[in-house]
Amino acid sequence: MKLPLLLTALAASTAQAQLNLYLENTQDLFSLCVAPTVTQPNPFFIGNNPSVIALSGDRLFVAGYNNTAAAANLRVVKIENIFGTRAFRLLNTNPDPLGAPVYDISVPGQRGFYGMSYAAGGGLIMNYDGGAVGVAGGYRVFDVDTQLNPILIGSSPAGLGARGGAGPSWDFGPTGQGYDYNNDGTLDGPLAAILDFAGYPGGVQAKGPFGVLPRDSASGAGDGLNMFAGRRYDGNSVDGGGNAAAPVLNIVGANGNRVQGTLWRDSDIIGVNGNIAARASNDVVIGTRNSSGGLSSLVVVDRSPGTTDPYAFQIMQRCEWVSGLGNDVVVYNDYSAAASTVAGWTKAADLSGNAVTVNMFNADGTPFAVTSAGGTFDYSFDPATGRLAICDFAGRRVFIFSTTAPTPPCPWVADGCFADYNNDGGIDGDDVIAFFAAWDAGESCADVDASTGVDGDDVINFFAAWDAGGVGFPGCQ
């Protein structure tokens, strides 16, 4: 390796890790946030502002916040074909697909949906804060994959459900294979991992998430999303060897920090290895799962400017894993940052709690600098596509970023004259050099005959155009 390249490589290895995001799409949600009136109904009213999202392929699920004083009926919307001509569908809260659809969910004033997460094999789980522990339906699971109009398949029972102030996540366990729902030796699927800031007997809430059956078992025991009958693990759970079988989050981390309170706001778990991230007030908790289901390591990223956390009561302190890209990182909104843009409010950390620089770009490569008030966001990462969606509460928009840089356009495409391969305005030997470099590397730009393959025919076509000085070839006149 030449010395300049060696120095560059060494500098890259010691530099702070980075997460680069490239804007692909913007979803304007303003029409979903217009409160209905008698004369102007809005069948897709999600609330006055969008508060939570879940991204899956070309589908975006959205729910919102009621910022009025009185209770309001809100709806959960699926936006289809977000990269084309989008269409809207409502999530049906009637579990009978043949019955009359029911879309309204009554949400108290100044409250809203605080969590939403999708996983294949689990479905779409979401929650809202009904104002107290045990409000029926505070947590709900929908079948969004087999039903054209998604229907309810699980709902927390009255008096036996969590309050809904923190976002849930799907937990497939440390192996990514799921859990045995009915103790028959077969792994059935993920558990709903639920954090909350309302107290439960035994102080379990202070330690970490509950792992709860997402829907009623075959026995019809009413244990789906039941914090008592449906609980499969909590902070007191151990395996046969006495090892913790649940992630316990309220402990001193390896970096010496401990969460300053248990006002849990959000969580996210990686499907393939069970690693967990959570928000307790403005702190960020990051845990690595072991084979028992507990934690092999934990760090707490202290995002509070002083010993007393002034950001403990923000409604939307969020976190999301961006995983499967080589180095998993947690993205979160930092309320202690004095920021004015989406990029400024958004921070990230790695498994060890080290800061990761987040760089956001527009499609043309310029810095993404959209302003946003307050830093109230939700994040949703789709590991199947490598896309991260950011919901801007105040701006009523969702920005969808790719973690893969866009392929730069072929130089000759600007005017279509592939004889002037480097597009410098002249047809000369430099074009031959540029073409053969691309052709030898098998780059798609060298497919000048548009045959969808890079082969000898492209050489023949290129030299025919080049030898003619472009005369008679498209774009060269």
Protein backbone atom coordinates (compact mmCIF):
# COMPACT_ATOMS: atom_id res chain seq x y z
CA MET A 1 0.00 0.00 0.00
CA LYS A 2 1.33 3.45 -0.90
CA LEU A 3 2.12 5.79 1.99
CA PRO A 4 -0.75 8.27 1.35
CA LEU A 5 -3.27 5.40 1.20
CA LEU A 6 -1.81 3.87 4.35
CA LEU A 7 -2.10 7.16 6.22
CA THR A 8 -5.70 7.54 5.02
CA ALA A 9 -6.56 4.03 6.20
CA LEU A 10 -4.99 4.62 9.60
CA ALA A 11 -6.85 7.91 9.99
CA ALA A 12 -10.14 6.20 9.12
CA SER A 13 -9.54 3.46 11.68
CA THR A 14 -8.99 5.94 14.50
CA ALA A 15 -11.69 8.43 13.51
CA GLN A 16 -15.08 8.51 15.18
CA ALA A 17 -17.53 6.02 13.69
CA GLN A 18 -20.07 7.49 11.31
CA LEU A 19 -23.58 6.71 10.10
CA ASN A 20 -24.34 8.19 6.70
CA LEU A 21 -27.97 8.66 5.69
CA TYR A 22 -29.19 9.63 2.22
CA LEU A 23 -32.67 11.09 1.72
CA GLU A 24 -34.82 8.95 -0.59
CA ASN A 25 -38.35 10.12 0.09
CA THR A 26 -40.43 12.57 2.11
CA GLN A 27 -43.95 11.76 3.25
CA ASP A 28 -46.14 14.81 3.93
CA LEU A 29 -48.63 13.84 6.67
CA PHE A 30 -50.40 17.18 7.02
CA SER A 31 -53.64 15.86 5.48
CA LEU A 32 -53.80 13.13 8.14
CA CYS A 33 -53.58 15.71 10.93
CA VAL A 34 -56.55 17.91 9.98
CA ALA A 35 -59.20 17.47 12.65
CA PRO A 36 -62.54 16.43 11.16
CA THR A 37 -65.62 18.62 11.34
CA VAL A 38 -69.24 18.05 10.44
CA THR A 39 -68.77 19.83 7.12
CA GLN A 40 -65.24 18.55 6.47
CA PRO A 41 -64.83 14.95 7.64
CA ASN A 42 -61.38 13.39 7.63
CA PRO A 43 -61.63 9.58 7.56
CA PHE A 44 -57.85 9.26 8.07
CA PHE A 45 -57.46 11.55 11.09
CA ILE A 46 -54.51 10.26 13.16
CA GLY A 47 -54.34 13.20 15.57
CA ASN A 48 -53.06 16.74 15.47
CA ASN A 49 -49.47 15.57 14.98
CA PRO A 50 -47.88 12.28 13.93
CA SER A 51 -46.14 10.70 16.90
CA VAL A 52 -45.11 7.13 15.97
CA ILE A 53 -44.29 5.26 12.80
CA ALA A 54 -43.27 1.82 11.54
CA LEU A 55 -41.59 1.31 8.17
CA SER A 56 -41.76 -1.98 6.27
CA GLY A 57 -40.78 -2.06 2.62
CA ASP A 58 -43.03 0.35 0.75
CA ARG A 59 -45.51 0.54 3.65
CA LEU A 60 -45.54 3.18 6.36
CA PHE A 61 -47.77 2.87 9.43
CA VAL A 62 -48.61 6.08 11.27
CA ALA A 63 -50.39 7.02 14.50
CA GLY A 64 -50.65 10.37 16.24
CA TYR A 65 -51.15 12.63 19.21
CA ASN A 66 -54.23 14.42 20.57
CA ASN A 67 -53.15 17.90 21.63
CA THR A 68 -56.64 19.11 22.54
CA ALA A 69 -58.08 19.23 26.05
CA ALA A 70 -60.83 16.66 25.44
CA ALA A 71 -60.67 13.03 24.37
CA ALA A 72 -60.65 12.48 20.63
CA ASN A 73 -61.16 9.55 18.30
CA LEU A 74 -57.90 8.84 16.49
CA ARG A 75 -57.18 6.33 13.76
CA VAL A 76 -54.12 4.35 12.73
CA VAL A 77 -53.25 4.58 9.05
CA LYS A 78 -51.28 2.40 6.67
CA ILE A 79 -49.79 4.29 3.74
CA GLU A 80 -49.16 1.96 0.83
CA ASN A 81 -46.75 2.46 -2.08
CA ILE A 82 -44.90 5.32 -0.42
CA PHE A 83 -42.36 5.52 -3.26
CA GLY A 84 -45.05 5.85 -5.92
CA THR A 85 -48.72 6.80 -5.98
CA ARG A 86 -49.54 6.33 -2.36
CA ALA A 87 -52.82 4.96 -1.02
CA PHE A 88 -54.30 4.94 2.47
CA ARG A 89 -55.93 2.21 4.54
CA LEU A 90 -57.21 2.18 8.10
CA LEU A 91 -56.35 -0.42 10.71
CA ASN A 92 -59.50 -2.23 11.76
CA THR A 93 -59.86 -2.69 15.53
CA ASN A 94 -62.53 -5.34 15.02
CA PRO A 95 -60.82 -8.77 15.29
CA ASP A 96 -63.51 -10.34 13.08
CA PRO A 97 -62.42 -9.80 9.44
CA LEU A 98 -66.01 -10.40 8.34
CA GLY A 99 -67.55 -8.06 10.88
CA ALA A 100 -68.25 -4.37 10.58
CA PRO A 101 -64.96 -2.44 10.72
CA VAL A 102 -64.17 -0.27 13.74
CA TYR A 103 -61.45 2.32 13.33
CA ASP A 104 -61.79 4.85 16.15
CA ILE A 105 -59.60 4.68 19.25
CA SER A 106 -60.54 7.15 21.99
CA VAL A 107 -57.38 8.89 23.22
CA PRO A 108 -57.49 11.28 26.22
CA GLY A 109 -56.62 14.94 25.77
CA GLN A 110 -52.92 15.82 25.66
CA ARG A 111 -51.97 12.18 25.13
CA GLY A 112 -51.27 9.98 22.18
CA PHE A 113 -49.61 6.93 20.71
CA TYR A 114 -46.14 6.43 22.17
CA GLY A 115 -44.93 3.27 20.49
CA MET A 116 -45.17 1.28 17.29
CA SER A 117 -43.05 -1.59 16.04
CA TYR A 118 -43.33 -4.07 13.17
CA ALA A 119 -41.68 -7.46 12.73
CA ALA A 120 -42.43 -10.31 10.34
CA GLY A 121 -43.76 -13.13 12.49
CA GLY A 122 -45.08 -10.73 15.10
CA GLY A 123 -47.14 -8.14 13.29
CA LEU A 124 -47.60 -4.51 14.21
CA ILE A 125 -47.63 -3.69 17.92
CA MET A 126 -48.56 -0.25 19.20
CA ASN A 127 -49.66 1.50 22.35
CA TYR A 128 -51.16 4.72 23.60
CA ASP A 129 -51.32 6.28 27.04
CA GLY A 130 -54.87 6.01 28.34
CA GLY A 131 -53.92 7.98 31.47
CA ALA A 132 -53.75 5.06 33.91
CA VAL A 133 -52.65 1.46 34.29
CA GLY A 134 -55.06 -1.11 32.91
CA VAL A 135 -56.96 0.89 30.30
CA ALA A 136 -58.36 -1.74 27.96
CA GLY A 137 -56.63 -1.80 24.59
CA GLY A 138 -53.70 0.36 25.63
CA TYR A 139 -51.52 -2.16 23.76
CA ARG A 140 -52.69 -3.69 20.51
CA VAL A 141 -51.29 -6.10 17.93
CA PHE A 142 -52.50 -6.05 14.32
CA ASP A 143 -52.18 -8.54 11.49
CA VAL A 144 -50.84 -6.33 8.70
CA ASP A 145 -49.47 -9.07 6.43
CA THR A 146 -52.33 -11.46 5.64
CA GLN A 147 -55.17 -8.93 5.69
CA LEU A 148 -55.61 -6.25 3.05
CA ASN A 149 -57.29 -4.12 5.71
CA PRO A 150 -55.21 -4.88 8.84
CA ILE A 151 -57.21 -6.27 11.75
CA LEU A 152 -56.72 -6.52 15.48
CA ILE A 153 -55.41 -9.88 16.73
CA GLY A 154 -54.42 -8.96 20.29
CA SER A 155 -55.44 -6.33 22.83
CA SER A 156 -54.44 -5.71 26.44
CA PRO A 157 -57.30 -6.51 28.86
CA ALA A 158 -58.86 -3.99 31.23
CA GLY A 159 -57.03 -3.75 34.54
CA LEU A 160 -54.25 -6.10 33.45
CA GLY A 161 -52.35 -4.07 30.88
CA ALA A 162 -49.48 -1.60 31.04
CA ARG A 163 -50.15 2.11 30.96
CA GLY A 164 -48.67 2.72 27.51
CA GLY A 165 -46.26 5.56 28.15
CA ALA A 166 -43.27 3.78 26.60
CA GLY A 167 -42.76 2.24 23.20
CA PRO A 168 -42.78 -1.59 22.98
CA SER A 169 -40.62 -3.79 20.82
CA TRP A 170 -40.61 -7.35 19.53
CA ASP A 171 -38.24 -9.72 21.34
CA PHE A 172 -37.19 -12.83 19.40
CA GLY A 173 -34.69 -13.70 22.14
CA PRO A 174 -30.90 -13.93 21.97
CA THR A 175 -31.01 -16.55 19.19
CA GLY A 176 -33.52 -14.69 17.04
CA GLN A 177 -35.80 -17.75 17.03
CA GLY A 178 -38.51 -16.59 19.43
CA TYR A 179 -40.05 -18.13 22.56
CA ASP A 180 -42.10 -21.15 23.50
CA TYR A 181 -45.56 -19.74 24.21
CA ASN A 182 -47.17 -22.87 25.66
CA ASN A 183 -44.21 -24.88 27.00
CA ASP A 184 -44.53 -27.63 24.40
CA GLY A 185 -40.89 -27.44 23.34
CA THR A 186 -41.61 -25.54 20.12
CA LEU A 187 -40.56 -21.94 19.57
CA ASP A 188 -43.70 -20.08 18.55
CA GLY A 189 -42.68 -16.48 17.98
CA PRO A 190 -41.59 -13.24 19.62
CA LEU A 191 -42.71 -11.79 22.91
CA ALA A 192 -43.91 -8.24 23.30
CA ALA A 193 -41.22 -6.48 25.33
CA ILE A 194 -42.91 -3.75 27.33
CA LEU A 195 -41.37 -1.01 29.44
CA ASP A 196 -43.53 1.38 31.40
CA PHE A 197 -43.29 4.07 34.01
CA ALA A 198 -46.23 2.84 36.09
CA GLY A 199 -45.39 0.70 39.10
CA TYR A 200 -46.14 -3.00 39.40
CA PRO A 201 -45.78 -5.39 42.34
CA GLY A 202 -42.25 -6.50 43.19
CA GLY A 203 -40.48 -3.53 41.68
CA VAL A 204 -40.18 -5.29 38.34
CA GLN A 205 -40.89 -2.09 36.46
CA ALA A 206 -37.73 -0.52 37.85
CA LYS A 207 -35.49 -3.26 36.50
CA GLY A 208 -36.35 -3.64 32.85
CA PRO A 209 -38.94 -4.87 30.36
CA PHE A 210 -41.67 -7.45 30.74
CA GLY A 211 -41.79 -10.18 28.09
CA VAL A 212 -45.50 -10.75 27.43
CA LEU A 213 -47.49 -13.04 25.13
CA PRO A 214 -48.59 -10.87 22.21
CA ARG A 215 -51.96 -12.59 21.84
CA ASP A 216 -54.14 -15.10 23.66
CA SER A 217 -52.82 -18.64 23.72
CA ALA A 218 -54.77 -21.49 22.16
CA SER A 219 -56.37 -22.25 25.51
CA GLY A 220 -58.22 -18.94 25.35
CA ALA A 221 -56.90 -17.99 28.77
CA GLY A 222 -57.02 -14.26 28.10
CA ASP A 223 -53.25 -14.04 28.54
CA GLY A 224 -52.46 -12.00 25.44
CA LEU A 225 -50.82 -8.68 26.41
CA ASN A 226 -51.82 -9.51 30.00
CA MET A 227 -49.10 -8.18 32.31
CA PHE A 228 -49.76 -10.94 34.81
CA ALA A 229 -51.16 -14.10 33.17
CA GLY A 230 -49.22 -13.54 29.94
CA ARG A 231 -45.85 -12.60 31.41
CA ARG A 232 -43.03 -14.92 30.33
CA TYR A 233 -40.13 -13.01 31.82
CA ASP A 234 -39.39 -9.99 33.97
CA GLY A 235 -36.44 -8.57 35.89
CA ASN A 236 -36.65 -11.37 38.47
CA SER A 237 -36.59 -14.23 35.95
CA VAL A 238 -33.71 -16.72 35.98
CA ASP A 239 -32.96 -19.93 34.09
CA GLY A 240 -32.22 -23.34 35.58
CA GLY A 241 -28.66 -22.30 36.35
CA GLY A 242 -29.69 -19.17 38.17
CA ASN A 243 -28.69 -16.88 35.31
CA ALA A 244 -30.82 -13.84 34.51
CA ALA A 245 -33.29 -14.75 31.77
CA ALA A 246 -34.35 -11.18 31.07
CA PRO A 247 -32.48 -7.96 30.29
CA VAL A 248 -32.19 -5.96 33.52
CA LEU A 249 -31.61 -2.31 32.61
CA ASN A 250 -31.64 -0.35 35.86
CA ILE A 251 -28.11 -1.25 36.97
CA VAL A 252 -24.75 0.49 36.87
CA GLY A 253 -23.32 0.20 33.38
CA ALA A 254 -19.81 -0.81 32.47
CA ASN A 255 -19.06 2.88 31.88
CA GLY A 256 -20.04 3.74 35.47
CA ASN A 257 -23.36 5.40 34.61
CA ARG A 258 -26.78 4.41 35.84
CA VAL A 259 -30.15 5.64 34.63
CA GLN A 260 -31.33 8.64 36.61
CA GLY A 261 -34.90 7.37 36.82
CA THR A 262 -37.27 4.80 35.44
CA LEU A 263 -39.54 7.05 33.43
CA TRP A 264 -39.14 4.67 30.53
CA ARG A 265 -40.08 6.13 27.16
CA ASP A 266 -39.01 3.70 24.46
CA SER A 267 -37.21 0.46 23.63
CA ASP A 268 -35.95 -1.41 20.62
CA ILE A 269 -34.55 -4.94 20.30
CA ILE A 270 -32.57 -6.38 17.39
CA GLY A 271 -34.39 -9.40 16.03
CA VAL A 272 -31.39 -11.59 15.30
CA ASN A 273 -29.43 -11.27 18.56
CA GLY A 274 -31.74 -9.70 21.13
CA ASN A 275 -29.51 -6.70 21.86
CA ILE A 276 -31.61 -4.00 23.48
CA ALA A 277 -31.72 -0.22 23.60
CA ALA A 278 -34.03 1.82 25.80
CA ARG A 279 -34.70 5.37 26.95
CA ALA A 280 -35.07 6.18 30.63
CA SER A 281 -35.79 9.88 30.70
CA ASN A 282 -33.10 11.32 28.41
CA ASP A 283 -30.53 8.60 29.15
CA VAL A 284 -29.85 5.89 26.56
CA VAL A 285 -29.41 2.32 27.82
CA ILE A 286 -27.61 -0.14 25.54
CA GLY A 287 -27.41 -3.83 26.43
CA THR A 288 -25.83 -6.87 24.79
CA ARG A 289 -27.79 -10.08 25.32
CA ASN A 290 -26.24 -13.37 26.40
CA SER A 291 -27.43 -16.89 25.63
CA SER A 292 -29.64 -17.00 28.74
CA GLY A 293 -31.60 -13.93 27.68
CA GLY A 294 -29.97 -11.64 30.23
CA LEU A 295 -27.22 -9.15 29.51
CA SER A 296 -23.52 -9.79 29.05
CA SER A 297 -22.82 -6.05 29.09
CA LEU A 298 -24.65 -2.77 29.59
CA VAL A 299 -23.75 0.88 29.20
CA VAL A 300 -25.73 4.02 29.95
CA VAL A 301 -25.20 7.06 27.77
CA ASP A 302 -25.84 10.01 30.08
CA ARG A 303 -27.52 12.73 28.03
CA SER A 304 -28.43 14.93 30.99
CA PRO A 305 -26.51 18.17 31.49
CA GLY A 306 -26.58 17.94 35.29
CA THR A 307 -27.26 15.63 38.20
CA THR A 308 -30.96 16.52 38.04
CA ASP A 309 -32.42 15.55 34.72
CA PRO A 310 -34.56 18.42 33.38
CA TYR A 311 -35.59 16.28 30.41
CA ALA A 312 -37.28 13.51 32.38
CA PHE A 313 -40.80 14.38 31.27
CA GLN A 314 -40.43 14.76 27.53
CA ILE A 315 -43.14 12.75 25.82
CA MET A 316 -41.09 11.36 22.96
CA GLN A 317 -37.59 10.29 23.97
CA ARG A 318 -36.99 7.66 21.33
CA CYS A 319 -34.38 5.12 20.24
CA GLU A 320 -33.95 2.75 17.31
CA TRP A 321 -31.32 0.23 16.29
CA VAL A 322 -29.78 0.65 12.84
CA SER A 323 -28.53 -2.89 12.49
CA GLY A 324 -27.14 -5.39 10.03
CA LEU A 325 -24.71 -2.94 8.43
CA GLY A 326 -21.57 -4.30 10.07
CA ASN A 327 -21.61 -2.18 13.22
CA ASP A 328 -24.96 -1.84 15.01
CA VAL A 329 -25.70 1.64 16.31
CA VAL A 330 -28.54 3.19 18.32
CA VAL A 331 -30.11 6.34 16.91
CA TYR A 332 -31.91 8.65 19.35
CA ASN A 333 -33.20 12.21 19.74
CA ASP A 334 -31.17 14.21 22.23
CA TYR A 335 -33.20 16.74 24.17
CA SER A 336 -30.09 18.18 25.83
CA ALA A 337 -28.88 19.38 22.42
CA ALA A 338 -29.58 23.00 21.53
CA ALA A 339 -30.47 22.20 17.95
CA SER A 340 -32.72 23.56 15.24
CA THR A 341 -32.54 20.87 12.54
CA VAL A 342 -33.53 17.22 12.27
CA ALA A 343 -29.86 16.33 11.88
CA GLY A 344 -28.89 18.42 14.90
CA TRP A 345 -31.39 16.76 17.24
CA THR A 346 -30.46 13.25 16.10
CA LYS A 347 -27.55 11.45 17.77
CA ALA A 348 -26.20 7.89 17.75
CA ALA A 349 -24.06 5.56 19.84
CA ASP A 350 -22.46 2.15 19.36
CA LEU A 351 -22.70 -0.96 21.56
CA SER A 352 -20.08 0.46 23.92
CA GLY A 353 -21.87 3.79 24.25
CA ASN A 354 -19.34 5.64 22.12
CA ALA A 355 -20.69 8.53 20.08
CA VAL A 356 -21.33 7.86 16.40
CA THR A 357 -21.48 10.83 14.05
CA VAL A 358 -24.72 11.00 12.05
CA ASN A 359 -24.37 12.58 8.61
CA MET A 360 -27.55 13.32 6.67
CA PHE A 361 -27.52 14.13 2.97
CA ASN A 362 -30.05 15.11 0.35
CA ALA A 363 -30.31 12.98 -2.77
CA ASP A 364 -27.88 15.30 -4.58
CA GLY A 365 -25.25 14.92 -1.86
CA THR A 366 -25.76 18.29 -0.22
CA PRO A 367 -26.25 18.38 3.58
CA PHE A 368 -29.78 17.67 4.78
CA ALA A 369 -30.62 20.73 6.85
CA VAL A 370 -34.39 20.69 7.38
CA THR A 371 -35.36 22.67 10.46
CA SER A 372 -37.50 21.18 13.21
CA ALA A 373 -38.77 22.57 16.48
CA GLY A 374 -38.31 20.75 19.76
CA GLY A 375 -36.58 17.57 18.67
CA THR A 376 -39.74 15.46 18.97
CA PHE A 377 -39.18 12.53 16.61
CA ASP A 378 -39.84 8.86 16.16
CA TYR A 379 -37.50 6.51 14.31
CA SER A 380 -38.17 3.29 12.44
CA PHE A 381 -35.51 1.15 10.76
CA ASP A 382 -36.38 -1.49 8.18
CA PRO A 383 -33.53 -4.04 8.19
CA ALA A 384 -34.84 -5.68 5.02
CA THR A 385 -34.22 -2.54 2.96
CA GLY A 386 -31.64 -0.70 5.07
CA ARG A 387 -33.87 2.35 5.36
CA LEU A 388 -34.36 4.61 8.38
CA ALA A 389 -37.55 6.68 8.65
CA ILE A 390 -37.64 9.78 10.87
CA CYS A 391 -41.02 11.18 11.89
CA ASP A 392 -40.98 14.92 12.56
CA PHE A 393 -43.80 15.58 15.05
CA ALA A 394 -43.79 19.37 14.63
CA GLY A 395 -43.28 19.38 10.86
CA ARG A 396 -45.85 16.61 10.22
CA ARG A 397 -43.48 14.84 7.86
CA VAL A 398 -41.61 11.56 7.64
CA PHE A 399 -38.17 11.55 6.05
CA ILE A 400 -37.01 8.21 4.67
CA PHE A 401 -33.28 7.74 4.37
CA SER A 402 -31.22 5.00 2.80
CA THR A 403 -28.05 3.80 4.51
CA THR A 404 -26.56 3.15 1.06
CA ALA A 405 -25.15 6.02 -0.94
CA PRO A 406 -26.97 6.56 -4.24
CA THR A 407 -25.13 5.38 -7.34
CA PRO A 408 -23.73 8.44 -9.10
CA PRO A 409 -25.07 8.90 -12.61
CA CYS A 410 -22.90 7.79 -15.50
CA PRO A 411 -20.90 10.78 -16.76
CA TRP A 412 -22.08 10.40 -20.36
CA VAL A 413 -25.78 10.14 -19.46
CA ALA A 414 -26.08 13.94 -19.08
CA ASP A 415 -26.30 14.33 -22.88
CA GLY A 416 -26.55 10.68 -23.95
CA CYS A 417 -23.37 10.75 -26.04
CA PHE A 418 -21.37 7.76 -24.85
CA ALA A 419 -18.59 8.54 -27.35
CA ASP A 420 -17.75 11.48 -25.04
CA TYR A 421 -17.62 9.00 -22.19
CA ASN A 422 -16.19 11.37 -19.58
CA ASN A 423 -18.54 14.18 -20.68
CA ASP A 424 -15.78 16.79 -20.97
CA GLY A 425 -17.10 18.16 -24.25
CA GLY A 426 -14.53 16.48 -26.47
CA ILE A 427 -14.13 13.02 -28.01
CA ASP A 428 -10.54 11.90 -27.52
CA GLY A 429 -8.25 9.34 -25.93
CA ASP A 430 -9.41 10.24 -22.42
CA ASP A 431 -12.80 8.80 -23.28
CA VAL A 432 -11.21 5.49 -24.28
CA ILE A 433 -9.34 5.33 -20.98
CA ALA A 434 -12.48 6.16 -18.97
CA PHE A 435 -14.61 3.65 -20.87
CA PHE A 436 -12.20 0.76 -20.51
CA ALA A 437 -11.71 1.43 -16.80
CA ALA A 438 -15.47 1.14 -16.32
CA TRP A 439 -15.82 -1.82 -18.73
CA ASP A 440 -13.00 -3.76 -17.09
CA ALA A 441 -14.66 -3.25 -13.67
CA GLY A 442 -18.01 -4.40 -15.03
CA GLU A 443 -19.67 -1.12 -14.10
CA SER A 444 -23.21 -0.63 -15.35
CA CYS A 445 -22.18 2.67 -16.99
CA ALA A 446 -20.17 0.65 -19.54
CA ASP A 447 -23.39 -0.98 -20.78
CA VAL A 448 -23.56 1.56 -23.61
CA ASP A 449 -25.78 -0.63 -25.79
CA ALA A 450 -28.36 -0.93 -22.94
CA SER A 451 -28.41 -4.72 -23.14
CA THR A 452 -28.37 -4.99 -19.30
CA GLY A 453 -25.00 -6.72 -19.58
CA VAL A 454 -21.42 -5.46 -19.86
CA ASP A 455 -19.74 -7.47 -22.63
CA GLY A 456 -17.87 -7.29 -25.94
CA ASP A 457 -20.82 -5.74 -27.74
CA ASP A 458 -20.38 -2.63 -25.61
CA VAL A 459 -16.77 -2.34 -26.81
CA ILE A 460 -17.91 -2.61 -30.43
CA ASN A 461 -20.64 0.01 -29.94
CA PHE A 462 -18.37 2.38 -28.05
CA PHE A 463 -15.62 2.31 -30.67
CA ALA A 464 -18.12 2.72 -33.49
CA ALA A 465 -19.38 5.92 -31.89
CA TRP A 466 -15.93 7.10 -30.83
CA ASP A 467 -14.36 6.48 -34.25
CA ALA A 468 -17.20 8.44 -35.88
CA GLY A 469 -16.65 11.34 -33.49
CA GLY A 470 -20.17 10.76 -32.25
CA VAL A 471 -21.66 11.66 -35.63
CA GLY A 472 -24.91 9.80 -36.14
CA PHE A 473 -25.21 8.72 -32.54
CA PRO A 474 -27.86 10.03 -30.08
CA GLY A 475 -26.86 12.98 -27.95
CA CYS A 476 -23.65 13.64 -29.89
CA GLN A 477 -25.03 16.05 -32.49
